[in-house]
Amino acid sequence: MSGKAKERPVADRVIAWLRDEGILELEEDFPETGDLFAAGMDSMAVMQLVVAAEDRFGAILGPADLAKERLATPAALAALLEEKQP
């Protein structure tokens, strides 16, 4: 992890981040409450997300954090990432 300040995760940035990282192909207007699993989130995408979350936000996610409801929408994911930031 680098020494620079990590970005604060908010839902609209999370949508762009998921798209930019290639984790999910989301439309520009994907809603903050949209279903990420219906949009293609699968176990491989979750594993990519875990690695990328630490790099981008400094958030370390463990197995208990990966409950479907915590990852279901960009808003829920943003709340989780903010909670897990150092």
PDB file of N, CA and C in Angstrom:
ATOM      1  N   MET A   1       0.840  -1.165   0.000  1.00  0.00           N
ATOM      2  CA  MET A   1       0.000   0.000   0.000  1.00  0.00           C
ATOM      3  C   MET A   1       0.885   1.227   0.000  1.00  0.00           C
ATOM      4  N   SER A   2       0.565   2.230  -0.833  1.00  0.00           N
ATOM      5  CA  SER A   2       1.369   3.429  -0.929  1.00  0.00           C
ATOM      6  C   SER A   2       1.066   4.371   0.227  1.00  0.00           C
ATOM      7  N   GLY A   3       1.906   5.397   0.372  1.00  0.00           N
ATOM      8  CA  GLY A   3       1.749   6.347   1.447  1.00  0.00           C
ATOM      9  C   GLY A   3       0.756   7.456   1.147  1.00  0.00           C
ATOM     10  N   LYS A   4       0.240   7.526  -0.085  1.00  0.00           N
ATOM     11  CA  LYS A   4      -0.698   8.612  -0.399  1.00  0.00           C
ATOM     12  C   LYS A   4      -2.066   8.344   0.209  1.00  0.00           C
ATOM     13  N   ALA A   5      -2.799   9.432   0.457  1.00  0.00           N
ATOM     14  CA  ALA A   5      -4.126   9.323   1.053  1.00  0.00           C
ATOM     15  C   ALA A   5      -5.045   8.533   0.132  1.00  0.00           C
ATOM     16  N   LYS A   6      -5.843   7.690   0.720  1.00  0.00           N
ATOM     17  CA  LYS A   6      -6.780   6.876  -0.047  1.00  0.00           C
ATOM     18  C   LYS A   6      -8.070   7.650  -0.278  1.00  0.00           C
ATOM     19  N   GLU A   7      -8.683   7.377  -1.392  1.00  0.00           N
ATOM     20  CA  GLU A   7      -9.920   8.019  -1.801  1.00  0.00           C
ATOM     21  C   GLU A   7     -11.071   7.566  -0.914  1.00  0.00           C
ATOM     22  N   ARG A   8     -12.010   8.474  -0.653  1.00  0.00           N
ATOM     23  CA  ARG A   8     -13.211   8.129   0.108  1.00  0.00           C
ATOM     24  C   ARG A   8     -14.204   7.465  -0.842  1.00  0.00           C
ATOM     25  N   PRO A   9     -14.656   6.267  -0.520  1.00  0.00           N
ATOM     26  CA  PRO A   9     -15.590   5.581  -1.415  1.00  0.00           C
ATOM     27  C   PRO A   9     -17.009   6.113  -1.243  1.00  0.00           C
ATOM     28  N   VAL A  10     -17.570   6.630  -2.295  1.00  0.00           N
ATOM     29  CA  VAL A  10     -18.980   6.992  -2.332  1.00  0.00           C
ATOM     30  C   VAL A  10     -19.578   6.244  -3.518  1.00  0.00           C
ATOM     31  N   ALA A  11     -20.877   6.060  -3.499  1.00  0.00           N
ATOM     32  CA  ALA A  11     -21.516   5.152  -4.454  1.00  0.00           C
ATOM     33  C   ALA A  11     -21.199   5.474  -5.907  1.00  0.00           C
ATOM     34  N   ASP A  12     -21.230   6.748  -6.311  1.00  0.00           N
ATOM     35  CA  ASP A  12     -20.966   7.049  -7.716  1.00  0.00           C
ATOM     36  C   ASP A  12     -19.520   6.747  -8.093  1.00  0.00           C
ATOM     37  N   ARG A  13     -18.594   6.967  -7.158  1.00  0.00           N
ATOM     38  CA  ARG A  13     -17.193   6.617  -7.420  1.00  0.00           C
ATOM     39  C   ARG A  13     -17.002   5.107  -7.452  1.00  0.00           C
ATOM     40  N   VAL A  14     -17.761   4.393  -6.632  1.00  0.00           N
ATOM     41  CA  VAL A  14     -17.678   2.934  -6.622  1.00  0.00           C
ATOM     42  C   VAL A  14     -18.136   2.378  -7.969  1.00  0.00           C
ATOM     43  N   ILE A  15     -19.171   2.950  -8.540  1.00  0.00           N
ATOM     44  CA  ILE A  15     -19.643   2.504  -9.855  1.00  0.00           C
ATOM     45  C   ILE A  15     -18.540   2.696 -10.888  1.00  0.00           C
ATOM     46  N   ALA A  16     -17.943   3.878 -10.926  1.00  0.00           N
ATOM     47  CA  ALA A  16     -16.853   4.152 -11.874  1.00  0.00           C
ATOM     48  C   ALA A  16     -15.660   3.243 -11.613  1.00  0.00           C
ATOM     49  N   TRP A  17     -15.342   3.020 -10.351  1.00  0.00           N
ATOM     50  CA  TRP A  17     -14.219   2.161  -9.977  1.00  0.00           C
ATOM     51  C   TRP A  17     -14.440   0.721 -10.442  1.00  0.00           C
ATOM     52  N   LEU A  18     -15.625   0.172 -10.212  1.00  0.00           N
ATOM     53  CA  LEU A  18     -15.918  -1.194 -10.656  1.00  0.00           C
ATOM     54  C   LEU A  18     -15.766  -1.317 -12.167  1.00  0.00           C
ATOM     55  N   ARG A  19     -16.203  -0.301 -12.863  1.00  0.00           N
ATOM     56  CA  ARG A  19     -16.099  -0.281 -14.319  1.00  0.00           C
ATOM     57  C   ARG A  19     -14.636  -0.131 -14.753  1.00  0.00           C
ATOM     58  N   ASP A  20     -13.930   0.838 -14.167  1.00  0.00           N
ATOM     59  CA  ASP A  20     -12.543   1.118 -14.553  1.00  0.00           C
ATOM     60  C   ASP A  20     -11.604  -0.051 -14.258  1.00  0.00           C
ATOM     61  N   GLU A  21     -11.857  -0.767 -13.171  1.00  0.00           N
ATOM     62  CA  GLU A  21     -11.030  -1.922 -12.800  1.00  0.00           C
ATOM     63  C   GLU A  21     -11.359  -3.153 -13.643  1.00  0.00           C
ATOM     64  N   GLY A  22     -12.449  -3.078 -14.399  1.00  0.00           N
ATOM     65  CA  GLY A  22     -12.863  -4.228 -15.192  1.00  0.00           C
ATOM     66  C   GLY A  22     -13.548  -5.302 -14.368  1.00  0.00           C
ATOM     67  N   ILE A  23     -13.983  -4.942 -13.172  1.00  0.00           N
ATOM     68  CA  ILE A  23     -14.663  -5.907 -12.302  1.00  0.00           C
ATOM     69  C   ILE A  23     -16.066  -6.186 -12.827  1.00  0.00           C
ATOM     70  N   LEU A  24     -16.764  -5.124 -13.242  1.00  0.00           N
ATOM     71  CA  LEU A  24     -18.103  -5.247 -13.831  1.00  0.00           C
ATOM     72  C   LEU A  24     -18.236  -4.252 -14.967  1.00  0.00           C
ATOM     73  N   GLU A  25     -18.984  -4.620 -15.982  1.00  0.00           N
ATOM     74  CA  GLU A  25     -19.294  -3.703 -17.074  1.00  0.00           C
ATOM     75  C   GLU A  25     -20.622  -3.030 -16.743  1.00  0.00           C
ATOM     76  N   LEU A  26     -20.525  -1.838 -16.159  1.00  0.00           N
ATOM     77  CA  LEU A  26     -21.707  -1.105 -15.738  1.00  0.00           C
ATOM     78  C   LEU A  26     -21.910   0.103 -16.642  1.00  0.00           C
ATOM     79  N   GLU A  27     -23.161   0.410 -16.918  1.00  0.00           N
ATOM     80  CA  GLU A  27     -23.501   1.594 -17.708  1.00  0.00           C
ATOM     81  C   GLU A  27     -23.170   2.849 -16.896  1.00  0.00           C
ATOM     82  N   GLU A  28     -22.951   3.945 -17.598  1.00  0.00           N
ATOM     83  CA  GLU A  28     -22.657   5.229 -16.940  1.00  0.00           C
ATOM     84  C   GLU A  28     -23.763   5.617 -15.958  1.00  0.00           C
ATOM     85  N   ASP A  29     -25.008   5.284 -16.296  1.00  0.00           N
ATOM     86  CA  ASP A  29     -26.137   5.687 -15.458  1.00  0.00           C
ATOM     87  C   ASP A  29     -26.607   4.578 -14.508  1.00  0.00           C
ATOM     88  N   PHE A  30     -25.728   3.609 -14.214  1.00  0.00           N
ATOM     89  CA  PHE A  30     -26.096   2.530 -13.282  1.00  0.00           C
ATOM     90  C   PHE A  30     -26.473   3.167 -11.939  1.00  0.00           C
ATOM     91  N   PRO A  31     -27.635   2.802 -11.388  1.00  0.00           N
ATOM     92  CA  PRO A  31     -28.087   3.462 -10.150  1.00  0.00           C
ATOM     93  C   PRO A  31     -27.310   3.009  -8.911  1.00  0.00           C
ATOM     94  N   GLU A  32     -27.218   3.921  -7.940  1.00  0.00           N
ATOM     95  CA  GLU A  32     -26.526   3.629  -6.679  1.00  0.00           C
ATOM     96  C   GLU A  32     -27.174   2.477  -5.926  1.00  0.00           C
ATOM     97  N   THR A  33     -28.446   2.233  -6.196  1.00  0.00           N
ATOM     98  CA  THR A  33     -29.163   1.137  -5.541  1.00  0.00           C
ATOM     99  C   THR A  33     -29.383  -0.039  -6.491  1.00  0.00           C
ATOM    100  N   GLY A  34     -28.686  -0.023  -7.628  1.00  0.00           N
ATOM    101  CA  GLY A  34     -28.809  -1.112  -8.597  1.00  0.00           C
ATOM    102  C   GLY A  34     -28.211  -2.406  -8.070  1.00  0.00           C
ATOM    103  N   ASP A  35     -28.725  -3.522  -8.521  1.00  0.00           N
ATOM    104  CA  ASP A  35     -28.297  -4.854  -8.086  1.00  0.00           C
ATOM    105  C   ASP A  35     -27.021  -5.268  -8.821  1.00  0.00           C
ATOM    106  N   LEU A  36     -25.903  -5.268  -8.096  1.00  0.00           N
ATOM    107  CA  LEU A  36     -24.624  -5.637  -8.701  1.00  0.00           C
ATOM    108  C   LEU A  36     -24.580  -7.109  -9.104  1.00  0.00           C
ATOM    109  N   PHE A  37     -25.287  -7.960  -8.383  1.00  0.00           N
ATOM    110  CA  PHE A  37     -25.292  -9.380  -8.731  1.00  0.00           C
ATOM    111  C   PHE A  37     -26.079  -9.614 -10.017  1.00  0.00           C
ATOM    112  N   ALA A  38     -27.175  -8.892 -10.196  1.00  0.00           N
ATOM    113  CA  ALA A  38     -27.927  -8.991 -11.452  1.00  0.00           C
ATOM    114  C   ALA A  38     -27.110  -8.426 -12.615  1.00  0.00           C
ATOM    115  N   ALA A  39     -26.188  -7.509 -12.294  1.00  0.00           N
ATOM    116  CA  ALA A  39     -25.338  -6.902 -13.323  1.00  0.00           C
ATOM    117  C   ALA A  39     -24.104  -7.752 -13.645  1.00  0.00           C
ATOM    118  N   GLY A  40     -23.966  -8.896 -12.970  1.00  0.00           N
ATOM    119  CA  GLY A  40     -22.876  -9.801 -13.308  1.00  0.00           C
ATOM    120  C   GLY A  40     -21.864 -10.081 -12.220  1.00  0.00           C
ATOM    121  N   MET A  41     -22.061  -9.538 -11.022  1.00  0.00           N
ATOM    122  CA  MET A  41     -21.127  -9.817  -9.918  1.00  0.00           C
ATOM    123  C   MET A  41     -21.185 -11.309  -9.608  1.00  0.00           C
ATOM    124  N   ASP A  42     -20.033 -11.964  -9.674  1.00  0.00           N
ATOM    125  CA  ASP A  42     -19.943 -13.383  -9.343  1.00  0.00           C
ATOM    126  C   ASP A  42     -18.742 -13.578  -8.422  1.00  0.00           C
ATOM    127  N   SER A  43     -18.415 -14.811  -8.100  1.00  0.00           N
ATOM    128  CA  SER A  43     -17.337 -15.069  -7.137  1.00  0.00           C
ATOM    129  C   SER A  43     -15.984 -14.560  -7.632  1.00  0.00           C
ATOM    130  N   MET A  44     -15.737 -14.640  -8.930  1.00  0.00           N
ATOM    131  CA  MET A  44     -14.469 -14.125  -9.463  1.00  0.00           C
ATOM    132  C   MET A  44     -14.418 -12.600  -9.337  1.00  0.00           C
ATOM    133  N   ALA A  45     -15.528 -11.936  -9.609  1.00  0.00           N
ATOM    134  CA  ALA A  45     -15.588 -10.481  -9.476  1.00  0.00           C
ATOM    135  C   ALA A  45     -15.384 -10.067  -8.023  1.00  0.00           C
ATOM    136  N   VAL A  46     -15.939 -10.832  -7.092  1.00  0.00           N
ATOM    137  CA  VAL A  46     -15.760 -10.529  -5.669  1.00  0.00           C
ATOM    138  C   VAL A  46     -14.289 -10.644  -5.288  1.00  0.00           C
ATOM    139  N   MET A  47     -13.595 -11.661  -5.782  1.00  0.00           N
ATOM    140  CA  MET A  47     -12.170 -11.810  -5.470  1.00  0.00           C
ATOM    141  C   MET A  47     -11.357 -10.647  -6.046  1.00  0.00           C
ATOM    142  N   GLN A  48     -11.675 -10.211  -7.258  1.00  0.00           N
ATOM    143  CA  GLN A  48     -11.017  -9.040  -7.845  1.00  0.00           C
ATOM    144  C   GLN A  48     -11.287  -7.807  -6.990  1.00  0.00           C
ATOM    145  N   LEU A  49     -12.509  -7.679  -6.534  1.00  0.00           N
ATOM    146  CA  LEU A  49     -12.918  -6.551  -5.720  1.00  0.00           C
ATOM    147  C   LEU A  49     -12.111  -6.502  -4.426  1.00  0.00           C
ATOM    148  N   VAL A  50     -11.901  -7.628  -3.784  1.00  0.00           N
ATOM    149  CA  VAL A  50     -11.155  -7.673  -2.525  1.00  0.00           C
ATOM    150  C   VAL A  50      -9.743  -7.113  -2.718  1.00  0.00           C
ATOM    151  N   VAL A  51      -9.073  -7.539  -3.766  1.00  0.00           N
ATOM    152  CA  VAL A  51      -7.711  -7.077  -4.044  1.00  0.00           C
ATOM    153  C   VAL A  51      -7.709  -5.597  -4.413  1.00  0.00           C
ATOM    154  N   ALA A  52      -8.607  -5.204  -5.293  1.00  0.00           N
ATOM    155  CA  ALA A  52      -8.654  -3.824  -5.767  1.00  0.00           C
ATOM    156  C   ALA A  52      -9.083  -2.851  -4.668  1.00  0.00           C
ATOM    157  N   ALA A  53      -9.927  -3.288  -3.744  1.00  0.00           N
ATOM    158  CA  ALA A  53     -10.389  -2.417  -2.656  1.00  0.00           C
ATOM    159  C   ALA A  53      -9.239  -2.000  -1.754  1.00  0.00           C
ATOM    160  N   GLU A  54      -8.334  -2.911  -1.494  1.00  0.00           N
ATOM    161  CA  GLU A  54      -7.184  -2.566  -0.656  1.00  0.00           C
ATOM    162  C   GLU A  54      -6.279  -1.577  -1.382  1.00  0.00           C
ATOM    163  N   ASP A  55      -6.072  -1.808  -2.661  1.00  0.00           N
ATOM    164  CA  ASP A  55      -5.206  -0.928  -3.438  1.00  0.00           C
ATOM    165  C   ASP A  55      -5.796   0.476  -3.572  1.00  0.00           C
ATOM    166  N   ARG A  56      -7.051   0.578  -3.916  1.00  0.00           N
ATOM    167  CA  ARG A  56      -7.667   1.881  -4.202  1.00  0.00           C
ATOM    168  C   ARG A  56      -8.089   2.628  -2.949  1.00  0.00           C
ATOM    169  N   PHE A  57      -8.678   1.920  -1.987  1.00  0.00           N
ATOM    170  CA  PHE A  57      -9.265   2.573  -0.820  1.00  0.00           C
ATOM    171  C   PHE A  57      -8.561   2.248   0.492  1.00  0.00           C
ATOM    172  N   GLY A  58      -7.612   1.323   0.488  1.00  0.00           N
ATOM    173  CA  GLY A  58      -6.951   0.913   1.721  1.00  0.00           C
ATOM    174  C   GLY A  58      -7.850   0.064   2.605  1.00  0.00           C
ATOM    175  N   ALA A  59      -8.938  -0.434   2.032  1.00  0.00           N
ATOM    176  CA  ALA A  59      -9.918  -1.225   2.782  1.00  0.00           C
ATOM    177  C   ALA A  59      -9.547  -2.702   2.713  1.00  0.00           C
ATOM    178  N   ILE A  60      -9.363  -3.306   3.861  1.00  0.00           N
ATOM    179  CA  ILE A  60      -9.046  -4.733   3.906  1.00  0.00           C
ATOM    180  C   ILE A  60     -10.326  -5.488   4.242  1.00  0.00           C
ATOM    181  N   LEU A  61     -10.766  -6.300   3.291  1.00  0.00           N
ATOM    182  CA  LEU A  61     -12.006  -7.054   3.446  1.00  0.00           C
ATOM    183  C   LEU A  61     -11.701  -8.502   3.789  1.00  0.00           C
ATOM    184  N   GLY A  62     -12.359  -8.988   4.821  1.00  0.00           N
ATOM    185  CA  GLY A  62     -12.212 -10.384   5.224  1.00  0.00           C
ATOM    186  C   GLY A  62     -13.453 -11.172   4.847  1.00  0.00           C
ATOM    187  N   PRO A  63     -13.427 -12.477   5.093  1.00  0.00           N
ATOM    188  CA  PRO A  63     -14.560 -13.331   4.731  1.00  0.00           C
ATOM    189  C   PRO A  63     -15.900 -12.857   5.306  1.00  0.00           C
ATOM    190  N   ALA A  64     -15.901 -12.348   6.526  1.00  0.00           N
ATOM    191  CA  ALA A  64     -17.153 -11.900   7.146  1.00  0.00           C
ATOM    192  C   ALA A  64     -17.734 -10.676   6.442  1.00  0.00           C
ATOM    193  N   ASP A  65     -16.902  -9.934   5.714  1.00  0.00           N
ATOM    194  CA  ASP A  65     -17.356  -8.736   5.004  1.00  0.00           C
ATOM    195  C   ASP A  65     -18.008  -9.049   3.663  1.00  0.00           C
ATOM    196  N   LEU A  66     -17.890 -10.284   3.207  1.00  0.00           N
ATOM    197  CA  LEU A  66     -18.309 -10.627   1.857  1.00  0.00           C
ATOM    198  C   LEU A  66     -19.724 -11.190   1.763  1.00  0.00           C
ATOM    199  N   ALA A  67     -20.544 -10.873   2.754  1.00  0.00           N
ATOM    200  CA  ALA A  67     -21.953 -11.279   2.705  1.00  0.00           C
ATOM    201  C   ALA A  67     -22.624 -10.561   1.539  1.00  0.00           C
ATOM    202  N   LYS A  68     -23.499 -11.251   0.869  1.00  0.00           N
ATOM    203  CA  LYS A  68     -24.135 -10.726  -0.338  1.00  0.00           C
ATOM    204  C   LYS A  68     -24.780  -9.360  -0.114  1.00  0.00           C
ATOM    205  N   GLU A  69     -25.447  -9.178   1.022  1.00  0.00           N
ATOM    206  CA  GLU A  69     -26.121  -7.900   1.262  1.00  0.00           C
ATOM    207  C   GLU A  69     -25.144  -6.729   1.407  1.00  0.00           C
ATOM    208  N   ARG A  70     -23.899  -7.008   1.783  1.00  0.00           N
ATOM    209  CA  ARG A  70     -22.901  -5.939   1.930  1.00  0.00           C
ATOM    210  C   ARG A  70     -22.292  -5.543   0.589  1.00  0.00           C
ATOM    211  N   LEU A  71     -22.483  -6.396  -0.422  1.00  0.00           N
ATOM    212  CA  LEU A  71     -21.921  -6.160  -1.753  1.00  0.00           C
ATOM    213  C   LEU A  71     -23.001  -5.947  -2.807  1.00  0.00           C
ATOM    214  N   ALA A  72     -24.265  -5.960  -2.402  1.00  0.00           N
ATOM    215  CA  ALA A  72     -25.384  -6.035  -3.346  1.00  0.00           C
ATOM    216  C   ALA A  72     -25.573  -4.804  -4.226  1.00  0.00           C
ATOM    217  N   THR A  73     -25.277  -3.620  -3.706  1.00  0.00           N
ATOM    218  CA  THR A  73     -25.492  -2.385  -4.461  1.00  0.00           C
ATOM    219  C   THR A  73     -24.254  -1.495  -4.335  1.00  0.00           C
ATOM    220  N   PRO A  74     -24.068  -0.550  -5.234  1.00  0.00           N
ATOM    221  CA  PRO A  74     -22.952   0.389  -5.079  1.00  0.00           C
ATOM    222  C   PRO A  74     -23.015   1.151  -3.745  1.00  0.00           C
ATOM    223  N   ALA A  75     -24.228   1.505  -3.295  1.00  0.00           N
ATOM    224  CA  ALA A  75     -24.362   2.217  -2.020  1.00  0.00           C
ATOM    225  C   ALA A  75     -23.917   1.339  -0.847  1.00  0.00           C
ATOM    226  N   ALA A  76     -24.334   0.073  -0.840  1.00  0.00           N
ATOM    227  CA  ALA A  76     -23.931  -0.845   0.230  1.00  0.00           C
ATOM    228  C   ALA A  76     -22.429  -1.091   0.197  1.00  0.00           C
ATOM    229  N   LEU A  77     -21.891  -1.257  -0.991  1.00  0.00           N
ATOM    230  CA  LEU A  77     -20.455  -1.492  -1.138  1.00  0.00           C
ATOM    231  C   LEU A  77     -19.658  -0.271  -0.694  1.00  0.00           C
ATOM    232  N   ALA A  78     -20.119   0.922  -1.045  1.00  0.00           N
ATOM    233  CA  ALA A  78     -19.433   2.147  -0.617  1.00  0.00           C
ATOM    234  C   ALA A  78     -19.419   2.250   0.907  1.00  0.00           C
ATOM    235  N   ALA A  79     -20.527   1.921   1.553  1.00  0.00           N
ATOM    236  CA  ALA A  79     -20.597   1.961   3.022  1.00  0.00           C
ATOM    237  C   ALA A  79     -19.616   0.965   3.625  1.00  0.00           C
ATOM    238  N   LEU A  80     -19.543  -0.231   3.065  1.00  0.00           N
ATOM    239  CA  LEU A  80     -18.605  -1.248   3.543  1.00  0.00           C
ATOM    240  C   LEU A  80     -17.166  -0.774   3.391  1.00  0.00           C
ATOM    241  N   LEU A  81     -16.836  -0.258   2.224  1.00  0.00           N
ATOM    242  CA  LEU A  81     -15.462   0.188   1.973  1.00  0.00           C
ATOM    243  C   LEU A  81     -15.078   1.338   2.898  1.00  0.00           C
ATOM    244  N   GLU A  82     -16.007   2.252   3.137  1.00  0.00           N
ATOM    245  CA  GLU A  82     -15.705   3.360   4.051  1.00  0.00           C
ATOM    246  C   GLU A  82     -15.499   2.849   5.469  1.00  0.00           C
ATOM    247  N   GLU A  83     -16.324   1.895   5.881  1.00  0.00           N
ATOM    248  CA  GLU A  83     -16.205   1.297   7.212  1.00  0.00           C
ATOM    249  C   GLU A  83     -14.852   0.613   7.403  1.00  0.00           C
ATOM    250  N   LYS A  84     -14.329   0.023   6.328  1.00  0.00           N
ATOM    251  CA  LYS A  84     -13.094  -0.768   6.408  1.00  0.00           C
ATOM    252  C   LYS A  84     -11.824   0.028   6.116  1.00  0.00           C
ATOM    253  N   GLN A  85     -11.978   1.308   5.790  1.00  0.00           N
ATOM    254  CA  GLN A  85     -10.784   2.113   5.552  1.00  0.00           C
ATOM    255  C   GLN A  85     -10.039   2.328   6.868  1.00  0.00           C
ATOM    256  N   PRO A  86      -8.710   2.366   6.778  1.00  0.00           N
ATOM    257  CA  PRO A  86      -7.936   2.613   8.007  1.00  0.00           C
ATOM    258  C   PRO A  86      -8.114   4.040   8.512  1.00  0.00           C
TER     259      PRO A  86
END
